N, C-alpha and C. Protein backbone atom coordinates (compact mmCIF):
# COMPACT_ATOMS: atom_id res chain seq x y z
N MET A 1 92.12 150.01 92.86
CA MET A 1 92.68 151.11 93.89
C MET A 1 93.85 150.45 94.55
N ALA A 2 94.98 151.25 94.54
CA ALA A 2 96.13 150.70 95.21
C ALA A 2 96.05 150.64 96.79
N LYS A 3 96.62 149.62 97.42
CA LYS A 3 96.58 149.64 98.81
C LYS A 3 97.61 150.64 99.44
N GLN A 4 96.99 151.50 100.16
CA GLN A 4 97.91 152.65 100.75
C GLN A 4 98.66 152.20 102.02
N GLU A 5 99.82 152.59 102.13
CA GLU A 5 100.59 152.35 103.45
C GLU A 5 100.08 153.25 104.39
N PRO A 6 99.96 152.86 105.77
CA PRO A 6 99.65 153.81 106.84
C PRO A 6 100.59 154.87 107.09
N ARG A 7 100.15 155.93 107.44
CA ARG A 7 101.11 157.19 107.66
C ARG A 7 101.90 156.80 108.73
N PRO A 8 103.15 157.44 108.87
CA PRO A 8 104.02 157.01 109.99
C PRO A 8 103.21 157.33 111.36
N GLY A 9 103.43 156.50 112.29
CA GLY A 9 102.91 156.69 113.68
C GLY A 9 101.52 156.20 113.68
N ARG A 10 100.91 155.73 112.73
CA ARG A 10 99.55 155.23 112.66
C ARG A 10 99.53 153.69 112.51
N LEU A 11 98.51 153.04 112.97
CA LEU A 11 98.34 151.62 112.88
C LEU A 11 97.52 151.40 111.69
N PRO A 12 97.76 150.29 111.03
CA PRO A 12 96.88 149.71 109.86
C PRO A 12 95.51 149.70 110.37
N ARG A 13 94.48 149.70 109.55
CA ARG A 13 93.05 149.51 109.94
C ARG A 13 92.91 148.14 110.61
N THR A 14 93.61 147.13 110.17
CA THR A 14 93.38 145.84 110.78
C THR A 14 93.81 145.62 112.15
N ALA A 15 94.77 146.42 112.50
CA ALA A 15 95.59 146.22 113.84
C ALA A 15 94.66 146.91 114.94
N LYS A 16 94.74 146.33 116.07
CA LYS A 16 93.88 146.77 117.16
C LYS A 16 94.95 147.41 118.30
N ARG A 17 94.48 148.45 118.64
CA ARG A 17 95.39 149.17 119.84
C ARG A 17 95.46 148.47 120.96
N GLY A 18 96.67 148.27 121.66
CA GLY A 18 96.89 147.60 122.83
C GLY A 18 97.04 146.07 122.63
N VAL A 19 96.79 145.48 121.49
CA VAL A 19 96.89 144.08 121.09
C VAL A 19 98.14 143.69 120.58
N ILE A 20 98.83 142.73 121.11
CA ILE A 20 100.15 142.33 120.70
C ILE A 20 100.00 140.95 120.17
N ARG A 21 100.19 140.72 118.85
CA ARG A 21 100.13 139.31 118.37
C ARG A 21 101.38 138.70 118.31
N MET A 22 101.44 137.46 118.98
CA MET A 22 102.77 136.72 119.07
C MET A 22 102.73 135.49 118.24
N THR A 23 103.72 135.01 117.60
CA THR A 23 103.66 133.83 116.96
C THR A 23 103.88 132.79 117.98
N GLN A 24 103.59 131.49 117.58
CA GLN A 24 104.09 130.37 118.60
C GLN A 24 105.49 130.41 118.90
N ALA A 25 106.33 130.47 117.91
CA ALA A 25 107.82 130.51 118.25
C ALA A 25 108.18 131.70 119.22
N THR A 26 107.58 132.83 119.06
CA THR A 26 108.01 133.88 119.94
C THR A 26 107.48 133.60 121.41
N MET A 27 106.19 133.11 121.45
CA MET A 27 105.70 132.76 122.74
C MET A 27 106.64 131.61 123.50
N GLU A 28 107.00 130.62 122.73
CA GLU A 28 108.01 129.71 123.16
C GLU A 28 109.22 130.25 123.71
N MET A 29 109.78 131.10 122.87
CA MET A 29 111.11 131.81 123.24
C MET A 29 110.99 132.63 124.64
N HIS A 30 109.80 133.32 124.91
CA HIS A 30 109.53 134.09 125.90
C HIS A 30 109.39 133.10 127.07
N ALA A 31 108.66 132.05 126.94
CA ALA A 31 108.41 131.23 128.08
C ALA A 31 109.78 130.55 128.42
N GLU A 32 110.65 130.17 127.43
CA GLU A 32 111.94 129.64 127.77
C GLU A 32 112.83 130.61 128.50
N THR A 33 112.76 131.83 128.18
CA THR A 33 113.54 132.93 128.82
C THR A 33 113.19 133.08 130.26
N LEU A 34 111.92 132.93 130.40
CA LEU A 34 111.32 133.16 131.80
C LEU A 34 111.46 132.07 132.65
N GLY A 35 111.65 130.82 132.08
CA GLY A 35 111.75 129.56 132.80
C GLY A 35 110.42 128.86 132.90
N LEU A 36 109.46 129.26 132.15
CA LEU A 36 108.10 128.63 132.17
C LEU A 36 107.94 127.49 131.32
N GLU A 37 107.20 126.41 131.77
CA GLU A 37 106.98 125.29 130.85
C GLU A 37 105.83 125.58 130.02
N PRO A 38 105.66 125.04 128.87
CA PRO A 38 104.65 125.12 128.01
C PRO A 38 103.35 124.65 128.63
N LEU A 39 102.26 125.22 128.24
CA LEU A 39 100.98 124.91 128.68
C LEU A 39 100.23 124.35 127.53
N PHE A 40 99.34 123.22 127.65
CA PHE A 40 98.69 122.58 126.71
C PHE A 40 97.16 123.10 126.71
N THR A 41 96.51 123.27 125.65
CA THR A 41 95.08 123.60 125.57
C THR A 41 94.32 122.29 125.48
N ILE A 42 93.17 122.28 125.50
CA ILE A 42 92.35 121.02 125.39
C ILE A 42 92.63 120.44 124.05
N LYS A 43 92.64 121.27 122.97
CA LYS A 43 92.97 120.84 121.58
C LYS A 43 94.39 120.20 121.47
N ASP A 44 95.41 120.94 122.04
CA ASP A 44 96.75 120.52 122.13
C ASP A 44 96.88 119.08 122.75
N LEU A 45 96.33 119.04 123.97
CA LEU A 45 96.35 117.85 124.67
C LEU A 45 95.61 116.66 124.00
N ALA A 46 94.38 116.81 123.44
CA ALA A 46 93.71 115.79 122.63
C ALA A 46 94.64 115.33 121.49
N ALA A 47 95.28 116.25 120.69
CA ALA A 47 96.09 115.84 119.63
C ALA A 47 97.43 114.99 120.22
N TYR A 48 98.04 115.47 121.42
CA TYR A 48 99.13 114.79 121.94
C TYR A 48 98.68 113.39 122.35
N LEU A 49 97.65 113.17 123.07
CA LEU A 49 97.09 111.86 123.52
C LEU A 49 96.55 111.04 122.46
N GLN A 50 96.31 111.68 121.27
CA GLN A 50 95.65 111.01 120.05
C GLN A 50 94.16 110.63 120.61
N VAL A 51 93.42 111.35 121.24
CA VAL A 51 91.98 111.20 121.63
C VAL A 51 91.22 112.42 121.16
N SER A 52 89.93 112.31 121.16
CA SER A 52 89.06 113.44 120.88
C SER A 52 89.07 114.47 121.94
N THR A 53 88.69 115.69 121.73
CA THR A 53 88.57 116.78 122.82
C THR A 53 87.39 116.26 123.79
N THR A 54 86.36 115.52 123.35
CA THR A 54 85.29 114.93 124.23
C THR A 54 85.97 114.16 125.34
N MET A 55 86.85 113.37 124.78
CA MET A 55 87.52 112.36 125.87
C MET A 55 88.31 113.16 126.88
N VAL A 56 89.07 114.31 126.41
CA VAL A 56 89.73 115.17 127.33
C VAL A 56 88.76 115.64 128.29
N TYR A 57 87.60 116.24 127.94
CA TYR A 57 86.58 116.73 128.80
C TYR A 57 85.99 115.83 129.74
N ARG A 58 85.89 114.53 129.20
CA ARG A 58 85.53 113.30 130.05
C ARG A 58 86.54 113.03 131.16
N LEU A 59 87.78 113.03 130.87
CA LEU A 59 88.81 112.92 131.82
C LEU A 59 88.78 113.87 133.03
N ILE A 60 88.60 115.17 132.57
CA ILE A 60 88.56 116.37 133.60
C ILE A 60 87.24 115.92 134.44
N LYS A 61 86.02 115.65 133.79
CA LYS A 61 84.95 115.47 134.63
C LYS A 61 84.97 114.29 135.66
N ASP A 62 85.64 113.28 135.12
CA ASP A 62 85.87 112.11 136.03
C ASP A 62 87.01 112.29 137.04
N GLY A 63 87.75 113.37 137.04
CA GLY A 63 88.73 113.70 137.96
C GLY A 63 90.05 113.07 137.74
N ALA A 64 90.25 112.46 136.60
CA ALA A 64 91.58 111.85 136.21
C ALA A 64 92.54 112.83 135.61
N LEU A 65 92.04 114.02 135.23
CA LEU A 65 92.98 115.05 134.70
C LEU A 65 92.60 116.27 135.34
N ALA A 66 93.61 116.92 135.84
CA ALA A 66 93.64 118.19 136.62
C ALA A 66 94.24 119.34 135.79
N GLY A 67 93.66 120.51 135.73
CA GLY A 67 94.28 121.51 135.06
C GLY A 67 94.17 122.88 135.70
N THR A 68 94.56 123.87 134.99
CA THR A 68 94.13 125.19 135.71
C THR A 68 93.48 126.05 134.68
N ARG A 69 92.53 126.71 135.31
CA ARG A 69 91.62 127.70 134.47
C ARG A 69 92.20 129.13 134.65
N ILE A 70 92.33 129.64 133.28
CA ILE A 70 92.96 130.87 133.10
C ILE A 70 91.91 131.56 132.49
N GLY A 71 91.20 132.39 132.93
CA GLY A 71 90.06 133.20 132.34
C GLY A 71 88.92 132.13 132.11
N GLN A 72 88.53 131.93 130.89
CA GLN A 72 87.46 130.95 130.55
C GLN A 72 88.14 129.64 129.97
N SER A 73 89.43 129.69 129.82
CA SER A 73 90.25 128.59 129.20
C SER A 73 90.84 127.76 130.13
N LEU A 74 90.99 126.32 129.78
CA LEU A 74 91.78 125.54 130.76
C LEU A 74 92.93 125.15 130.02
N ARG A 75 93.95 125.17 130.84
CA ARG A 75 95.45 124.93 130.52
C ARG A 75 95.95 123.67 131.30
N PHE A 76 96.76 122.96 130.80
CA PHE A 76 97.48 121.73 131.42
C PHE A 76 99.01 121.82 131.29
N THR A 77 99.73 121.56 132.52
CA THR A 77 101.10 121.52 132.41
C THR A 77 101.69 120.01 132.09
N ARG A 78 102.81 119.95 131.93
CA ARG A 78 103.45 118.60 131.53
C ARG A 78 103.15 117.64 132.82
N LYS A 79 103.22 118.22 133.95
CA LYS A 79 103.02 117.42 135.24
C LYS A 79 101.58 116.84 135.30
N ASN A 80 100.62 117.58 134.76
CA ASN A 80 99.23 117.28 134.67
C ASN A 80 99.14 116.05 133.75
N VAL A 81 99.77 116.15 132.66
CA VAL A 81 99.70 115.13 131.70
C VAL A 81 100.48 113.82 132.15
N GLU A 82 101.51 113.99 132.78
CA GLU A 82 102.31 112.81 133.47
C GLU A 82 101.56 112.10 134.47
N ASP A 83 100.74 112.92 135.36
CA ASP A 83 99.98 112.28 136.41
C ASP A 83 98.88 111.59 135.70
N LEU A 84 98.33 112.07 134.69
CA LEU A 84 97.20 111.29 134.01
C LEU A 84 97.71 109.93 133.35
N LEU A 85 98.96 110.06 132.78
CA LEU A 85 99.44 108.79 132.21
C LEU A 85 99.92 107.80 133.28
N GLY A 86 100.32 108.25 134.35
CA GLY A 86 100.79 107.36 135.48
C GLY A 86 99.48 106.71 136.06
N LEU A 87 98.36 107.56 136.17
CA LEU A 87 97.06 107.01 136.57
C LEU A 87 96.47 105.92 135.83
N CYS A 88 96.72 106.18 134.52
CA CYS A 88 96.09 105.20 133.46
C CYS A 88 97.02 104.11 133.07
N ALA A 89 98.25 104.06 133.69
CA ALA A 89 99.15 102.93 133.37
C ALA A 89 98.66 101.64 133.89
N PHE A 90 98.98 100.61 133.24
CA PHE A 90 98.57 99.35 133.76
C PHE A 90 99.79 98.38 133.55
N ASN A 91 99.59 97.25 134.34
CA ASN A 91 100.75 96.20 134.37
C ASN A 91 100.19 95.08 133.53
N GLU A 92 100.76 94.62 132.74
CA GLU A 92 100.35 93.52 131.74
C GLU A 92 100.35 92.12 132.62
N ASP A 93 101.08 92.02 133.67
CA ASP A 93 101.07 90.83 134.50
C ASP A 93 99.80 90.62 135.19
N GLN A 94 99.18 91.67 135.48
CA GLN A 94 97.98 91.51 136.34
C GLN A 94 96.59 91.40 135.49
């Protein structure tokens, strides 16, 4: 059976009404246009810091990493990451 194209003005069965799917590139373009800085997820931050997600959660619990809760998700700004790295920096002379 051949796949039928949706009738004009109708959504395909897989599409959900009111849901807009954006690619990462589109989201970055919109954020750049609005002057917003990118937000890191737990997974993004773990990959960036080259640690496990468990370590990221531990840093949050210990108070070393601050973030923003959006709904049920945690998000982190570049400043949050810079503050963490500044806190964890050490001087080899000491």
